[in-house]
Amino acid sequence: MAELRAGIVRLHEQGYSVMDISRMMKCPNQTVSYAIRRYEETQSNADRPRSGRPATATTPENIRKIERKR
């Protein structure tokens, strides 16, 4: 997805319209508009952090601790 946003921003900086970019990239106008707006606000194409359950650390040491408690 970051590659798509980077391509959209590059084309926008070259002067292409939202409609033209949408046709070239084969994605909806709204996606193009959102990618451009997001880049102008943050100066970045990077994915934002997602909410959700944190990853667990399944190390051999943690597995041994769990097995000892059983």
PDB file of N, CA and C in Angstrom:
ATOM      1  N   MET A   1       0.819  -1.188   0.000  1.00  0.00           N
ATOM      2  CA  MET A   1       0.000   0.000   0.000  1.00  0.00           C
ATOM      3  C   MET A   1       0.865   1.255   0.000  1.00  0.00           C
ATOM      4  N   ALA A   2       1.992   1.199   0.701  1.00  0.00           N
ATOM      5  CA  ALA A   2       2.885   2.354   0.739  1.00  0.00           C
ATOM      6  C   ALA A   2       3.432   2.649  -0.655  1.00  0.00           C
ATOM      7  N   GLU A   3       3.640   1.598  -1.458  1.00  0.00           N
ATOM      8  CA  GLU A   3       4.139   1.797  -2.823  1.00  0.00           C
ATOM      9  C   GLU A   3       3.096   2.514  -3.674  1.00  0.00           C
ATOM     10  N   LEU A   4       1.831   2.148  -3.493  1.00  0.00           N
ATOM     11  CA  LEU A   4       0.745   2.799  -4.228  1.00  0.00           C
ATOM     12  C   LEU A   4       0.686   4.273  -3.861  1.00  0.00           C
ATOM     13  N   ARG A   5       0.743   4.574  -2.564  1.00  0.00           N
ATOM     14  CA  ARG A   5       0.697   5.970  -2.123  1.00  0.00           C
ATOM     15  C   ARG A   5       1.891   6.749  -2.653  1.00  0.00           C
ATOM     16  N   ALA A   6       3.072   6.129  -2.663  1.00  0.00           N
ATOM     17  CA  ALA A   6       4.267   6.803  -3.170  1.00  0.00           C
ATOM     18  C   ALA A   6       4.106   7.138  -4.650  1.00  0.00           C
ATOM     19  N   GLY A   7       3.552   6.208  -5.417  1.00  0.00           N
ATOM     20  CA  GLY A   7       3.311   6.458  -6.842  1.00  0.00           C
ATOM     21  C   GLY A   7       2.309   7.573  -7.060  1.00  0.00           C
ATOM     22  N   ILE A   8       1.266   7.588  -6.258  1.00  0.00           N
ATOM     23  CA  ILE A   8       0.243   8.633  -6.361  1.00  0.00           C
ATOM     24  C   ILE A   8       0.865   9.996  -6.085  1.00  0.00           C
ATOM     25  N   VAL A   9       1.656  10.086  -5.029  1.00  0.00           N
ATOM     26  CA  VAL A   9       2.280  11.362  -4.665  1.00  0.00           C
ATOM     27  C   VAL A   9       3.243  11.813  -5.754  1.00  0.00           C
ATOM     28  N   ARG A  10       4.032  10.887  -6.298  1.00  0.00           N
ATOM     29  CA  ARG A  10       4.968  11.233  -7.369  1.00  0.00           C
ATOM     30  C   ARG A  10       4.236  11.826  -8.570  1.00  0.00           C
ATOM     31  N   LEU A  11       3.148  11.177  -8.978  1.00  0.00           N
ATOM     32  CA  LEU A  11       2.382  11.677 -10.120  1.00  0.00           C
ATOM     33  C   LEU A  11       1.747  13.029  -9.805  1.00  0.00           C
ATOM     34  N   HIS A  12       1.283  13.201  -8.578  1.00  0.00           N
ATOM     35  CA  HIS A  12       0.687  14.479  -8.175  1.00  0.00           C
ATOM     36  C   HIS A  12       1.724  15.598  -8.237  1.00  0.00           C
ATOM     37  N   GLU A  13       2.940  15.302  -7.781  1.00  0.00           N
ATOM     38  CA  GLU A  13       4.011  16.302  -7.813  1.00  0.00           C
ATOM     39  C   GLU A  13       4.417  16.652  -9.241  1.00  0.00           C
ATOM     40  N   GLN A  14       4.184  15.728 -10.177  1.00  0.00           N
ATOM     41  CA  GLN A  14       4.476  15.989 -11.586  1.00  0.00           C
ATOM     42  C   GLN A  14       3.361  16.784 -12.259  1.00  0.00           C
ATOM     43  N   GLY A  15       2.272  17.053 -11.521  1.00  0.00           N
ATOM     44  CA  GLY A  15       1.217  17.901 -12.047  1.00  0.00           C
ATOM     45  C   GLY A  15      -0.005  17.183 -12.580  1.00  0.00           C
ATOM     46  N   TYR A  16      -0.084  15.877 -12.420  1.00  0.00           N
ATOM     47  CA  TYR A  16      -1.255  15.139 -12.900  1.00  0.00           C
ATOM     48  C   TYR A  16      -2.453  15.405 -11.991  1.00  0.00           C
ATOM     49  N   SER A  17      -3.651  15.390 -12.566  1.00  0.00           N
ATOM     50  CA  SER A  17      -4.874  15.597 -11.790  1.00  0.00           C
ATOM     51  C   SER A  17      -5.263  14.301 -11.076  1.00  0.00           C
ATOM     52  N   VAL A  18      -6.181  14.435 -10.131  1.00  0.00           N
ATOM     53  CA  VAL A  18      -6.670  13.273  -9.391  1.00  0.00           C
ATOM     54  C   VAL A  18      -7.290  12.264 -10.355  1.00  0.00           C
ATOM     55  N   MET A  19      -8.079  12.757 -11.312  1.00  0.00           N
ATOM     56  CA  MET A  19      -8.720  11.864 -12.293  1.00  0.00           C
ATOM     57  C   MET A  19      -7.675  11.108 -13.116  1.00  0.00           C
ATOM     58  N   ASP A  20      -6.648  11.827 -13.581  1.00  0.00           N
ATOM     59  CA  ASP A  20      -5.596  11.186 -14.384  1.00  0.00           C
ATOM     60  C   ASP A  20      -4.859  10.118 -13.570  1.00  0.00           C
ATOM     61  N   ILE A  21      -4.517  10.464 -12.339  1.00  0.00           N
ATOM     62  CA  ILE A  21      -3.803   9.516 -11.476  1.00  0.00           C
ATOM     63  C   ILE A  21      -4.676   8.294 -11.217  1.00  0.00           C
ATOM     64  N   SER A  22      -5.957   8.536 -10.985  1.00  0.00           N
ATOM     65  CA  SER A  22      -6.897   7.446 -10.732  1.00  0.00           C
ATOM     66  C   SER A  22      -6.933   6.475 -11.907  1.00  0.00           C
ATOM     67  N   ARG A  23      -6.970   7.005 -13.098  1.00  0.00           N
ATOM     68  CA  ARG A  23      -6.991   6.146 -14.296  1.00  0.00           C
ATOM     69  C   ARG A  23      -5.678   5.386 -14.456  1.00  0.00           C
ATOM     70  N   MET A  24      -4.557   6.090 -14.257  1.00  0.00           N
ATOM     71  CA  MET A  24      -3.248   5.455 -14.441  1.00  0.00           C
ATOM     72  C   MET A  24      -2.992   4.357 -13.410  1.00  0.00           C
ATOM     73  N   MET A  25      -3.366   4.617 -12.167  1.00  0.00           N
ATOM     74  CA  MET A  25      -3.090   3.670 -11.086  1.00  0.00           C
ATOM     75  C   MET A  25      -4.205   2.641 -10.912  1.00  0.00           C
ATOM     76  N   LYS A  26      -5.305   2.828 -11.649  1.00  0.00           N
ATOM     77  CA  LYS A  26      -6.460   1.916 -11.575  1.00  0.00           C
ATOM     78  C   LYS A  26      -6.964   1.770 -10.136  1.00  0.00           C
ATOM     79  N   CYS A  27      -7.230   2.925  -9.529  1.00  0.00           N
ATOM     80  CA  CYS A  27      -7.796   2.939  -8.182  1.00  0.00           C
ATOM     81  C   CYS A  27      -8.810   4.076  -8.092  1.00  0.00           C
ATOM     82  N   PRO A  28      -9.700   4.033  -7.120  1.00  0.00           N
ATOM     83  CA  PRO A  28     -10.746   5.055  -7.011  1.00  0.00           C
ATOM     84  C   PRO A  28     -10.194   6.465  -6.781  1.00  0.00           C
ATOM     85  N   ASN A  29     -10.956   7.465  -7.252  1.00  0.00           N
ATOM     86  CA  ASN A  29     -10.572   8.870  -7.051  1.00  0.00           C
ATOM     87  C   ASN A  29     -10.383   9.179  -5.569  1.00  0.00           C
ATOM     88  N   GLN A  30     -11.257   8.623  -4.748  1.00  0.00           N
ATOM     89  CA  GLN A  30     -11.203   8.896  -3.315  1.00  0.00           C
ATOM     90  C   GLN A  30      -9.883   8.404  -2.715  1.00  0.00           C
ATOM     91  N   THR A  31      -9.389   7.281  -3.192  1.00  0.00           N
ATOM     92  CA  THR A  31      -8.111   6.754  -2.708  1.00  0.00           C
ATOM     93  C   THR A  31      -6.982   7.716  -3.050  1.00  0.00           C
ATOM     94  N   VAL A  32      -7.018   8.234  -4.277  1.00  0.00           N
ATOM     95  CA  VAL A  32      -5.996   9.182  -4.726  1.00  0.00           C
ATOM     96  C   VAL A  32      -6.062  10.457  -3.885  1.00  0.00           C
ATOM     97  N   SER A  33      -7.261  10.993  -3.718  1.00  0.00           N
ATOM     98  CA  SER A  33      -7.431  12.227  -2.941  1.00  0.00           C
ATOM     99  C   SER A  33      -6.955  12.041  -1.509  1.00  0.00           C
ATOM    100  N   TYR A  34      -7.316  10.911  -0.920  1.00  0.00           N
ATOM    101  CA  TYR A  34      -6.928  10.644   0.461  1.00  0.00           C
ATOM    102  C   TYR A  34      -5.408  10.518   0.586  1.00  0.00           C
ATOM    103  N   ALA A  35      -4.772   9.837  -0.358  1.00  0.00           N
ATOM    104  CA  ALA A  35      -3.317   9.656  -0.307  1.00  0.00           C
ATOM    105  C   ALA A  35      -2.602  11.000  -0.428  1.00  0.00           C
ATOM    106  N   ILE A  36      -3.097  11.862  -1.311  1.00  0.00           N
ATOM    107  CA  ILE A  36      -2.486  13.182  -1.491  1.00  0.00           C
ATOM    108  C   ILE A  36      -2.676  14.026  -0.232  1.00  0.00           C
ATOM    109  N   ARG A  37      -3.898  14.029   0.304  1.00  0.00           N
ATOM    110  CA  ARG A  37      -4.186  14.818   1.507  1.00  0.00           C
ATOM    111  C   ARG A  37      -3.339  14.331   2.678  1.00  0.00           C
ATOM    112  N   ARG A  38      -3.243  13.027   2.817  1.00  0.00           N
ATOM    113  CA  ARG A  38      -2.468  12.451   3.915  1.00  0.00           C
ATOM    114  C   ARG A  38      -0.987  12.811   3.797  1.00  0.00           C
ATOM    115  N   TYR A  39      -0.454  12.780   2.580  1.00  0.00           N
ATOM    116  CA  TYR A  39       0.950  13.129   2.375  1.00  0.00           C
ATOM    117  C   TYR A  39       1.186  14.605   2.693  1.00  0.00           C
ATOM    118  N   GLU A  40       0.266  15.459   2.257  1.00  0.00           N
ATOM    119  CA  GLU A  40       0.433  16.890   2.512  1.00  0.00           C
ATOM    120  C   GLU A  40       0.361  17.210   4.005  1.00  0.00           C
ATOM    121  N   GLU A  41      -0.429  16.456   4.755  1.00  0.00           N
ATOM    122  CA  GLU A  41      -0.559  16.693   6.196  1.00  0.00           C
ATOM    123  C   GLU A  41       0.629  16.150   6.981  1.00  0.00           C
ATOM    124  N   THR A  42       1.137  14.984   6.592  1.00  0.00           N
ATOM    125  CA  THR A  42       2.172  14.316   7.392  1.00  0.00           C
ATOM    126  C   THR A  42       3.559  14.314   6.752  1.00  0.00           C
ATOM    127  N   GLN A  43       3.641  14.629   5.459  1.00  0.00           N
ATOM    128  CA  GLN A  43       4.901  14.564   4.707  1.00  0.00           C
ATOM    129  C   GLN A  43       5.507  13.165   4.744  1.00  0.00           C
ATOM    130  N   SER A  44       4.633  12.155   4.797  1.00  0.00           N
ATOM    131  CA  SER A  44       5.101  10.775   4.857  1.00  0.00           C
ATOM    132  C   SER A  44       4.100   9.851   4.175  1.00  0.00           C
ATOM    133  N   ASN A  45       4.612   8.777   3.575  1.00  0.00           N
ATOM    134  CA  ASN A  45       3.763   7.744   2.983  1.00  0.00           C
ATOM    135  C   ASN A  45       3.718   6.493   3.842  1.00  0.00           C
ATOM    136  N   ALA A  46       4.395   6.529   4.961  1.00  0.00           N
ATOM    137  CA  ALA A  46       4.496   5.336   5.808  1.00  0.00           C
ATOM    138  C   ALA A  46       3.144   4.959   6.395  1.00  0.00           C
ATOM    139  N   ASP A  47       2.953   3.656   6.606  1.00  0.00           N
ATOM    140  CA  ASP A  47       1.742   3.182   7.264  1.00  0.00           C
ATOM    141  C   ASP A  47       1.740   3.682   8.702  1.00  0.00           C
ATOM    142  N   ARG A  48       0.569   4.018   9.175  1.00  0.00           N
ATOM    143  CA  ARG A  48       0.434   4.452  10.562  1.00  0.00           C
ATOM    144  C   ARG A  48       0.370   3.224  11.464  1.00  0.00           C
ATOM    145  N   PRO A  49       0.746   3.391  12.730  1.00  0.00           N
ATOM    146  CA  PRO A  49       0.638   2.256  13.654  1.00  0.00           C
ATOM    147  C   PRO A  49      -0.820   1.827  13.801  1.00  0.00           C
ATOM    148  N   ARG A  50      -1.037   0.567  13.905  1.00  0.00           N
ATOM    149  CA  ARG A  50      -2.389   0.029  14.046  1.00  0.00           C
ATOM    150  C   ARG A  50      -2.666  -0.281  15.511  1.00  0.00           C
ATOM    151  N   SER A  51      -3.918  -0.158  15.872  1.00  0.00           N
ATOM    152  CA  SER A  51      -4.295  -0.559  17.220  1.00  0.00           C
ATOM    153  C   SER A  51      -4.489  -2.070  17.208  1.00  0.00           C
ATOM    154  N   GLY A  52      -4.494  -2.651  18.340  1.00  0.00           N
ATOM    155  CA  GLY A  52      -4.702  -4.090  18.404  1.00  0.00           C
ATOM    156  C   GLY A  52      -3.853  -4.726  19.476  1.00  0.00           C
ATOM    157  N   ARG A  53      -4.038  -5.995  19.600  1.00  0.00           N
ATOM    158  CA  ARG A  53      -3.324  -6.742  20.621  1.00  0.00           C
ATOM    159  C   ARG A  53      -1.834  -6.782  20.285  1.00  0.00           C
ATOM    160  N   PRO A  54      -0.977  -6.506  21.260  1.00  0.00           N
ATOM    161  CA  PRO A  54       0.460  -6.550  20.996  1.00  0.00           C
ATOM    162  C   PRO A  54       0.939  -7.981  20.734  1.00  0.00           C
ATOM    163  N   ALA A  55       1.993  -8.090  19.996  1.00  0.00           N
ATOM    164  CA  ALA A  55       2.570  -9.402  19.707  1.00  0.00           C
ATOM    165  C   ALA A  55       3.137  -9.997  20.990  1.00  0.00           C
ATOM    166  N   THR A  56       3.056 -11.303  21.095  1.00  0.00           N
ATOM    167  CA  THR A  56       3.605 -11.972  22.276  1.00  0.00           C
ATOM    168  C   THR A  56       5.026 -12.424  21.985  1.00  0.00           C
ATOM    169  N   ALA A  57       5.778 -12.545  23.033  1.00  0.00           N
ATOM    170  CA  ALA A  57       7.158 -13.000  22.888  1.00  0.00           C
ATOM    171  C   ALA A  57       7.217 -14.481  23.237  1.00  0.00           C
ATOM    172  N   THR A  58       7.253 -15.327  22.230  1.00  0.00           N
ATOM    173  CA  THR A  58       7.292 -16.770  22.456  1.00  0.00           C
ATOM    174  C   THR A  58       8.746 -17.231  22.367  1.00  0.00           C
ATOM    175  N   THR A  59       9.487 -16.916  23.391  1.00  0.00           N
ATOM    176  CA  THR A  59      10.885 -17.331  23.436  1.00  0.00           C
ATOM    177  C   THR A  59      10.976 -18.661  24.179  1.00  0.00           C
ATOM    178  N   PRO A  60      12.038 -19.401  23.971  1.00  0.00           N
ATOM    179  CA  PRO A  60      12.203 -20.669  24.700  1.00  0.00           C
ATOM    180  C   PRO A  60      12.136 -20.470  26.221  1.00  0.00           C
ATOM    181  N   GLU A  61      12.672 -19.346  26.694  1.00  0.00           N
ATOM    182  CA  GLU A  61      12.648 -19.076  28.137  1.00  0.00           C
ATOM    183  C   GLU A  61      11.209 -18.897  28.630  1.00  0.00           C
ATOM    184  N   ASN A  62      10.399 -18.153  27.907  1.00  0.00           N
ATOM    185  CA  ASN A  62       8.997 -17.957  28.297  1.00  0.00           C
ATOM    186  C   ASN A  62       8.221 -19.274  28.259  1.00  0.00           C
ATOM    187  N   ILE A  63       8.492 -20.099  27.289  1.00  0.00           N
ATOM    188  CA  ILE A  63       7.815 -21.398  27.179  1.00  0.00           C
ATOM    189  C   ILE A  63       8.155 -22.266  28.392  1.00  0.00           C
ATOM    190  N   ARG A  64       9.437 -22.268  28.802  1.00  0.00           N
ATOM    191  CA  ARG A  64       9.850 -23.040  29.987  1.00  0.00           C
ATOM    192  C   ARG A  64       9.141 -22.532  31.241  1.00  0.00           C
ATOM    193  N   LYS A  65       9.022 -21.212  31.390  1.00  0.00           N
ATOM    194  CA  LYS A  65       8.342 -20.644  32.563  1.00  0.00           C
ATOM    195  C   LYS A  65       6.886 -21.095  32.612  1.00  0.00           C
ATOM    196  N   ILE A  66       6.230 -21.087  31.481  1.00  0.00           N
ATOM    197  CA  ILE A  66       4.824 -21.501  31.419  1.00  0.00           C
ATOM    198  C   ILE A  66       4.694 -22.982  31.753  1.00  0.00           C
ATOM    199  N   GLU A  67       5.588 -23.810  31.215  1.00  0.00           N
ATOM    200  CA  GLU A  67       5.531 -25.248  31.477  1.00  0.00           C
ATOM    201  C   GLU A  67       5.781 -25.551  32.948  1.00  0.00           C
ATOM    202  N   ARG A  68       6.655 -24.777  33.610  1.00  0.00           N
ATOM    203  CA  ARG A  68       6.931 -24.987  35.034  1.00  0.00           C
ATOM    204  C   ARG A  68       5.710 -24.664  35.888  1.00  0.00           C
ATOM    205  N   LYS A  69       4.915 -23.694  35.463  1.00  0.00           N
ATOM    206  CA  LYS A  69       3.733 -23.292  36.243  1.00  0.00           C
ATOM    207  C   LYS A  69       2.591 -24.286  36.111  1.00  0.00           C
ATOM    208  N   ARG A  70       2.620 -25.145  35.124  1.00  0.00           N
ATOM    209  CA  ARG A  70       1.538 -26.129  34.930  1.00  0.00           C
ATOM    210  C   ARG A  70       1.651 -27.222  35.883  1.00  0.00           C
TER     211      ARG A  70
END
